[in-house]
Amino acid sequence: LGLKGKNKRKKYHSYRGAVDKIAENLLQRDFHITSPNQKWVTDVSEFKCAEGKLYLSPIKDLFNGEIIAYDVARNPSFEQISRIMKQAVSRLDGATPILYSDQGWQYQMASYQSILKHNGIVQSMSRKGNCLDNSAMESFFGRLKTECYFGKRFETFEQLEQAIHEYIHYYNHERIQVRLKGLSPVEYRTQSLN
């Protein structure tokens, strides 16, 4: 018959070591926000191209769904998380948001917790295996992959990274959302602050 079986490739998981010991789940799936920089969510997602894998780590503001910081790297690392935290902290302007993540190893590091504490950011973590807890971030990854990634072949790291950069700019500045009254995330934030 000429049939060939395909093995499912191993999916990236950031869990290592102890779980349920770092931070409480303060968010509790309460996604209601009245102004920017109250509640943020973050995660890491894997993307493949012919040359290998890239890892996207964004921070999303739940107020308007805007990606306020992100980094694309060839390996998930603490340095990647440090870079997005530096971007995010520059937007705080006195705010002290809750930053919600899963229990990935990056988010369990004392260095990460120190960055949060130093900047008045309150850490919140999901319980292991509770995918609904981070549904706000997962929905962004789903949109990005559906609209920009699935069904396309990227030959190089540079092609894939450029596509991710372009999509995030489009998502923040042009992609309208019904829940934002037909505005893009940046338009909604700008109008709400005036």
C-alpha atoms as a PDB file:
ATOM      1  CA  LEU A   1       0.000   0.000   0.000  1.00  0.00           C
ATOM      2  CA  GLY A   2       2.953   2.358   0.407  1.00  0.00           C
ATOM      3  CA  LEU A   3       1.707   3.732   3.733  1.00  0.00           C
ATOM      4  CA  LYS A   4       4.160   5.219   6.174  1.00  0.00           C
ATOM      5  CA  GLY A   5       3.521   6.034   9.814  1.00  0.00           C
ATOM      6  CA  LYS A   6       4.572   9.357  11.293  1.00  0.00           C
ATOM      7  CA  ASN A   7       5.650   9.728  14.873  1.00  0.00           C
ATOM      8  CA  LYS A   8       4.385  12.778  16.687  1.00  0.00           C
ATOM      9  CA  ARG A   9       7.241  15.118  17.507  1.00  0.00           C
ATOM     10  CA  LYS A  10       7.995  15.887  21.116  1.00  0.00           C
ATOM     11  CA  LYS A  11       6.416  19.165  22.226  1.00  0.00           C
ATOM     12  CA  TYR A  12       8.371  21.752  24.212  1.00  0.00           C
ATOM     13  CA  HIS A  13       7.586  21.690  27.935  1.00  0.00           C
ATOM     14  CA  SER A  14       9.200  24.130  30.317  1.00  0.00           C
ATOM     15  CA  TYR A  15       8.550  22.144  33.508  1.00  0.00           C
ATOM     16  CA  ARG A  16      11.576  20.951  35.464  1.00  0.00           C
ATOM     17  CA  GLY A  17      11.967  20.069  39.093  1.00  0.00           C
ATOM     18  CA  ALA A  18       9.525  20.968  41.845  1.00  0.00           C
ATOM     19  CA  VAL A  19       6.054  22.279  41.160  1.00  0.00           C
ATOM     20  CA  ASP A  20       3.391  23.970  43.296  1.00  0.00           C
ATOM     21  CA  LYS A  21       5.993  25.620  45.540  1.00  0.00           C
ATOM     22  CA  ILE A  22       6.812  29.000  44.005  1.00  0.00           C
ATOM     23  CA  ALA A  23       3.839  31.391  43.887  1.00  0.00           C
ATOM     24  CA  GLU A  24       0.112  31.356  44.514  1.00  0.00           C
ATOM     25  CA  ASN A  25      -2.407  31.529  41.683  1.00  0.00           C
ATOM     26  CA  LEU A  26      -3.548  35.097  42.346  1.00  0.00           C
ATOM     27  CA  LEU A  27      -5.143  35.571  38.940  1.00  0.00           C
ATOM     28  CA  GLN A  28      -7.670  32.726  39.415  1.00  0.00           C
ATOM     29  CA  ARG A  29      -8.872  33.199  35.814  1.00  0.00           C
ATOM     30  CA  ASP A  30     -10.149  36.679  36.687  1.00  0.00           C
ATOM     31  CA  PHE A  31      -9.396  38.463  33.421  1.00  0.00           C
ATOM     32  CA  HIS A  32     -11.486  41.583  34.194  1.00  0.00           C
ATOM     33  CA  ILE A  33      -9.263  44.670  34.017  1.00  0.00           C
ATOM     34  CA  THR A  34     -10.143  48.376  34.098  1.00  0.00           C
ATOM     35  CA  SER A  35      -6.812  49.941  33.097  1.00  0.00           C
ATOM     36  CA  PRO A  36      -3.412  49.012  31.619  1.00  0.00           C
ATOM     37  CA  ASN A  37      -0.670  47.342  33.650  1.00  0.00           C
ATOM     38  CA  GLN A  38      -2.902  45.619  36.220  1.00  0.00           C
ATOM     39  CA  LYS A  39      -2.562  42.024  35.041  1.00  0.00           C
ATOM     40  CA  TRP A  40      -0.042  40.561  32.630  1.00  0.00           C
ATOM     41  CA  VAL A  41       0.423  36.996  31.382  1.00  0.00           C
ATOM     42  CA  THR A  42       3.477  35.309  29.889  1.00  0.00           C
ATOM     43  CA  ASP A  43       4.588  31.979  28.459  1.00  0.00           C
ATOM     44  CA  VAL A  44       6.969  30.465  25.901  1.00  0.00           C
ATOM     45  CA  SER A  45       5.974  28.830  22.606  1.00  0.00           C
ATOM     46  CA  GLU A  46       8.048  26.852  20.127  1.00  0.00           C
ATOM     47  CA  PHE A  47       8.173  27.450  16.359  1.00  0.00           C
ATOM     48  CA  LYS A  48      10.000  25.303  13.795  1.00  0.00           C
ATOM     49  CA  CYS A  49      11.710  26.162  10.527  1.00  0.00           C
ATOM     50  CA  ALA A  50      14.055  24.200   8.255  1.00  0.00           C
ATOM     51  CA  GLU A  51      17.097  25.373  10.253  1.00  0.00           C
ATOM     52  CA  GLY A  52      15.699  24.396  13.659  1.00  0.00           C
ATOM     53  CA  LYS A  53      13.525  25.842  16.414  1.00  0.00           C
ATOM     54  CA  LEU A  54      12.781  29.337  17.661  1.00  0.00           C
ATOM     55  CA  TYR A  55      11.148  30.209  20.980  1.00  0.00           C
ATOM     56  CA  LEU A  56       8.822  33.178  21.416  1.00  0.00           C
ATOM     57  CA  SER A  57       8.358  34.602  24.892  1.00  0.00           C
ATOM     58  CA  PRO A  58       5.834  37.472  25.058  1.00  0.00           C
ATOM     59  CA  ILE A  59       4.128  39.393  27.855  1.00  0.00           C
ATOM     60  CA  LYS A  60       0.487  40.284  27.217  1.00  0.00           C
ATOM     61  CA  ASP A  61      -1.449  43.004  29.048  1.00  0.00           C
ATOM     62  CA  LEU A  62      -4.911  41.625  29.817  1.00  0.00           C
ATOM     63  CA  PHE A  63      -6.426  45.114  29.692  1.00  0.00           C
ATOM     64  CA  ASN A  64      -6.313  45.299  25.900  1.00  0.00           C
ATOM     65  CA  GLY A  65      -4.546  42.117  24.816  1.00  0.00           C
ATOM     66  CA  GLU A  66      -1.488  44.076  23.682  1.00  0.00           C
ATOM     67  CA  ILE A  67       1.844  42.293  23.507  1.00  0.00           C
ATOM     68  CA  ILE A  68       3.857  44.756  25.587  1.00  0.00           C
ATOM     69  CA  ALA A  69       7.181  42.898  25.443  1.00  0.00           C
ATOM     70  CA  TYR A  70       8.554  39.888  23.610  1.00  0.00           C
ATOM     71  CA  ASP A  71      11.718  38.130  22.564  1.00  0.00           C
ATOM     72  CA  VAL A  72      12.484  35.490  19.951  1.00  0.00           C
ATOM     73  CA  ALA A  73      15.471  33.222  20.630  1.00  0.00           C
ATOM     74  CA  ARG A  74      16.971  29.956  19.417  1.00  0.00           C
ATOM     75  CA  ASN A  75      16.878  28.517  22.926  1.00  0.00           C
ATOM     76  CA  PRO A  76      14.537  29.146  25.848  1.00  0.00           C
ATOM     77  CA  SER A  77      16.727  30.715  28.510  1.00  0.00           C
ATOM     78  CA  PHE A  78      16.745  32.969  31.527  1.00  0.00           C
ATOM     79  CA  GLU A  79      18.469  35.602  29.375  1.00  0.00           C
ATOM     80  CA  GLN A  80      15.421  35.635  27.089  1.00  0.00           C
ATOM     81  CA  ILE A  81      13.127  36.175  30.070  1.00  0.00           C
ATOM     82  CA  SER A  82      15.434  38.929  31.366  1.00  0.00           C
ATOM     83  CA  ARG A  83      15.196  40.754  28.028  1.00  0.00           C
ATOM     84  CA  ILE A  84      11.393  40.760  28.009  1.00  0.00           C
ATOM     85  CA  MET A  85      11.273  41.839  31.642  1.00  0.00           C
ATOM     86  CA  LYS A  86      13.500  44.812  30.828  1.00  0.00           C
ATOM     87  CA  GLN A  87      11.081  45.807  28.022  1.00  0.00           C
ATOM     88  CA  ALA A  88       8.015  45.345  30.233  1.00  0.00           C
ATOM     89  CA  VAL A  89       9.421  47.224  33.231  1.00  0.00           C
ATOM     90  CA  SER A  90      10.039  50.271  31.026  1.00  0.00           C
ATOM     91  CA  ARG A  91       6.235  50.560  30.649  1.00  0.00           C
ATOM     92  CA  LEU A  92       5.305  50.394  34.326  1.00  0.00           C
ATOM     93  CA  ASP A  93       5.121  54.098  35.185  1.00  0.00           C
ATOM     94  CA  GLY A  94       4.459  53.348  38.858  1.00  0.00           C
ATOM     95  CA  ALA A  95       2.070  50.420  38.275  1.00  0.00           C
ATOM     96  CA  THR A  96       2.479  47.143  40.186  1.00  0.00           C
ATOM     97  CA  PRO A  97       0.898  44.451  38.001  1.00  0.00           C
ATOM     98  CA  ILE A  98       0.317  40.793  38.685  1.00  0.00           C
ATOM     99  CA  LEU A  99       2.427  38.756  36.228  1.00  0.00           C
ATOM    100  CA  TYR A 100       0.958  35.336  35.623  1.00  0.00           C
ATOM    101  CA  SER A 101       2.837  32.357  34.173  1.00  0.00           C
ATOM    102  CA  ASP A 102       2.886  28.603  34.237  1.00  0.00           C
ATOM    103  CA  GLN A 103       5.418  26.797  36.438  1.00  0.00           C
ATOM    104  CA  GLY A 104       8.150  26.720  33.811  1.00  0.00           C
ATOM    105  CA  TRP A 105      11.701  26.516  35.105  1.00  0.00           C
ATOM    106  CA  GLN A 106      12.466  30.092  33.979  1.00  0.00           C
ATOM    107  CA  TYR A 107       9.718  31.470  36.217  1.00  0.00           C
ATOM    108  CA  GLN A 108      10.879  29.463  39.239  1.00  0.00           C
ATOM    109  CA  MET A 109      14.388  30.951  39.259  1.00  0.00           C
ATOM    110  CA  ALA A 110      15.386  33.167  42.175  1.00  0.00           C
ATOM    111  CA  SER A 111      16.861  35.666  39.673  1.00  0.00           C
ATOM    112  CA  TYR A 112      13.487  36.016  37.940  1.00  0.00           C
ATOM    113  CA  GLN A 113      11.674  36.448  41.246  1.00  0.00           C
ATOM    114  CA  SER A 114      14.222  39.086  42.236  1.00  0.00           C
ATOM    115  CA  ILE A 115      13.536  41.099  39.058  1.00  0.00           C
ATOM    116  CA  LEU A 116       9.811  40.987  39.799  1.00  0.00           C
ATOM    117  CA  LYS A 117      10.203  41.965  43.446  1.00  0.00           C
ATOM    118  CA  HIS A 118      12.635  44.789  42.660  1.00  0.00           C
ATOM    119  CA  ASN A 119      10.116  46.294  40.217  1.00  0.00           C
ATOM    120  CA  GLY A 120       6.991  45.830  42.349  1.00  0.00           C
ATOM    121  CA  ILE A 121       5.570  43.098  40.110  1.00  0.00           C
ATOM    122  CA  VAL A 122       3.545  40.416  41.904  1.00  0.00           C
ATOM    123  CA  GLN A 123       4.187  36.852  40.735  1.00  0.00           C
ATOM    124  CA  SER A 124       1.247  34.510  40.113  1.00  0.00           C
ATOM    125  CA  MET A 125       1.506  30.941  38.823  1.00  0.00           C
ATOM    126  CA  SER A 126      -0.863  28.313  37.511  1.00  0.00           C
ATOM    127  CA  ARG A 127      -1.064  24.870  38.968  1.00  0.00           C
ATOM    128  CA  LYS A 128       0.681  22.237  36.846  1.00  0.00           C
ATOM    129  CA  GLY A 129      -1.489  20.761  34.112  1.00  0.00           C
ATOM    130  CA  ASN A 130      -4.120  23.498  34.287  1.00  0.00           C
ATOM    131  CA  CYS A 131      -4.097  24.785  30.705  1.00  0.00           C
ATOM    132  CA  LEU A 132      -7.203  26.956  31.222  1.00  0.00           C
ATOM    133  CA  ASP A 133      -5.311  29.071  33.748  1.00  0.00           C
ATOM    134  CA  ASN A 134      -3.215  30.630  30.990  1.00  0.00           C
ATOM    135  CA  SER A 135      -5.884  30.631  28.285  1.00  0.00           C
ATOM    136  CA  ALA A 136      -5.349  34.347  27.597  1.00  0.00           C
ATOM    137  CA  MET A 137      -1.751  33.725  26.507  1.00  0.00           C
ATOM    138  CA  GLU A 138      -2.559  30.454  24.760  1.00  0.00           C
ATOM    139  CA  SER A 139      -5.243  32.193  22.686  1.00  0.00           C
ATOM    140  CA  PHE A 140      -2.618  34.648  21.400  1.00  0.00           C
ATOM    141  CA  PHE A 141      -0.289  31.794  20.431  1.00  0.00           C
ATOM    142  CA  GLY A 142      -3.194  30.078  18.674  1.00  0.00           C
ATOM    143  CA  ARG A 143      -4.035  33.192  16.659  1.00  0.00           C
ATOM    144  CA  LEU A 144      -0.426  33.832  15.722  1.00  0.00           C
ATOM    145  CA  LYS A 145       0.123  30.256  14.589  1.00  0.00           C
ATOM    146  CA  THR A 146      -3.166  30.084  12.680  1.00  0.00           C
ATOM    147  CA  GLU A 147      -2.797  33.438  10.930  1.00  0.00           C
ATOM    148  CA  CYS A 148       0.956  33.533  10.354  1.00  0.00           C
ATOM    149  CA  TYR A 149       2.601  30.134  10.787  1.00  0.00           C
ATOM    150  CA  PHE A 150       0.542  27.017  10.030  1.00  0.00           C
ATOM    151  CA  GLY A 151       0.585  25.985   6.378  1.00  0.00           C
ATOM    152  CA  LYS A 152       3.736  27.971   5.620  1.00  0.00           C
ATOM    153  CA  ARG A 153       7.288  26.760   5.271  1.00  0.00           C
ATOM    154  CA  PHE A 154      10.051  28.886   6.710  1.00  0.00           C
ATOM    155  CA  GLU A 155      13.533  27.984   5.476  1.00  0.00           C
ATOM    156  CA  THR A 156      15.632  30.139   7.791  1.00  0.00           C
ATOM    157  CA  PHE A 157      15.593  31.453  11.334  1.00  0.00           C
ATOM    158  CA  GLU A 158      15.601  34.963   9.900  1.00  0.00           C
ATOM    159  CA  GLN A 159      12.467  34.356   7.774  1.00  0.00           C
ATOM    160  CA  LEU A 160      10.554  32.911  10.715  1.00  0.00           C
ATOM    161  CA  GLU A 161      11.697  35.595  13.146  1.00  0.00           C
ATOM    162  CA  GLN A 162      10.750  38.351  10.676  1.00  0.00           C
ATOM    163  CA  ALA A 163       7.284  36.812  10.231  1.00  0.00           C
ATOM    164  CA  ILE A 164       6.799  36.765  14.026  1.00  0.00           C
ATOM    165  CA  HIS A 165       7.930  40.408  14.375  1.00  0.00           C
ATOM    166  CA  GLU A 166       5.596  41.500  11.574  1.00  0.00           C
ATOM    167  CA  TYR A 167       2.658  39.590  13.027  1.00  0.00           C
ATOM    168  CA  ILE A 168       3.086  41.059  16.516  1.00  0.00           C
ATOM    169  CA  HIS A 169       3.211  44.574  15.045  1.00  0.00           C
ATOM    170  CA  TYR A 170       0.066  43.799  13.010  1.00  0.00           C
ATOM    171  CA  TYR A 171      -1.665  42.244  16.043  1.00  0.00           C
ATOM    172  CA  ASN A 172      -0.939  45.243  18.279  1.00  0.00           C
ATOM    173  CA  HIS A 173      -1.550  48.057  15.788  1.00  0.00           C
ATOM    174  CA  GLU A 174      -3.964  46.800  13.111  1.00  0.00           C
ATOM    175  CA  ARG A 175      -5.821  43.627  14.089  1.00  0.00           C
ATOM    176  CA  ILE A 176      -9.199  44.723  15.393  1.00  0.00           C
ATOM    177  CA  GLN A 177     -10.968  42.843  18.177  1.00  0.00           C
ATOM    178  CA  VAL A 178     -14.679  42.744  18.918  1.00  0.00           C
ATOM    179  CA  ARG A 179     -14.083  42.881  22.682  1.00  0.00           C
ATOM    180  CA  LEU A 180     -12.128  46.116  22.130  1.00  0.00           C
ATOM    181  CA  LYS A 181     -15.083  47.779  20.356  1.00  0.00           C
ATOM    182  CA  GLY A 182     -13.620  47.110  16.914  1.00  0.00           C
ATOM    183  CA  LEU A 183     -10.246  48.666  17.725  1.00  0.00           C
ATOM    184  CA  SER A 184      -6.721  47.265  17.746  1.00  0.00           C
ATOM    185  CA  PRO A 185      -5.056  46.834  21.153  1.00  0.00           C
ATOM    186  CA  VAL A 186      -2.942  49.992  20.763  1.00  0.00           C
ATOM    187  CA  GLU A 187      -5.923  52.056  19.548  1.00  0.00           C
ATOM    188  CA  TYR A 188      -8.008  50.841  22.490  1.00  0.00           C
ATOM    189  CA  ARG A 189      -5.294  51.680  25.040  1.00  0.00           C
ATOM    190  CA  THR A 190      -4.739  55.109  23.479  1.00  0.00           C
ATOM    191  CA  GLN A 191      -8.461  55.952  23.494  1.00  0.00           C
ATOM    192  CA  SER A 192      -8.979  54.683  27.039  1.00  0.00           C
ATOM    193  CA  LEU A 193      -6.201  56.911  28.381  1.00  0.00           C
ATOM    194  CA  ASN A 194      -7.599  60.091  26.782  1.00  0.00           C
END
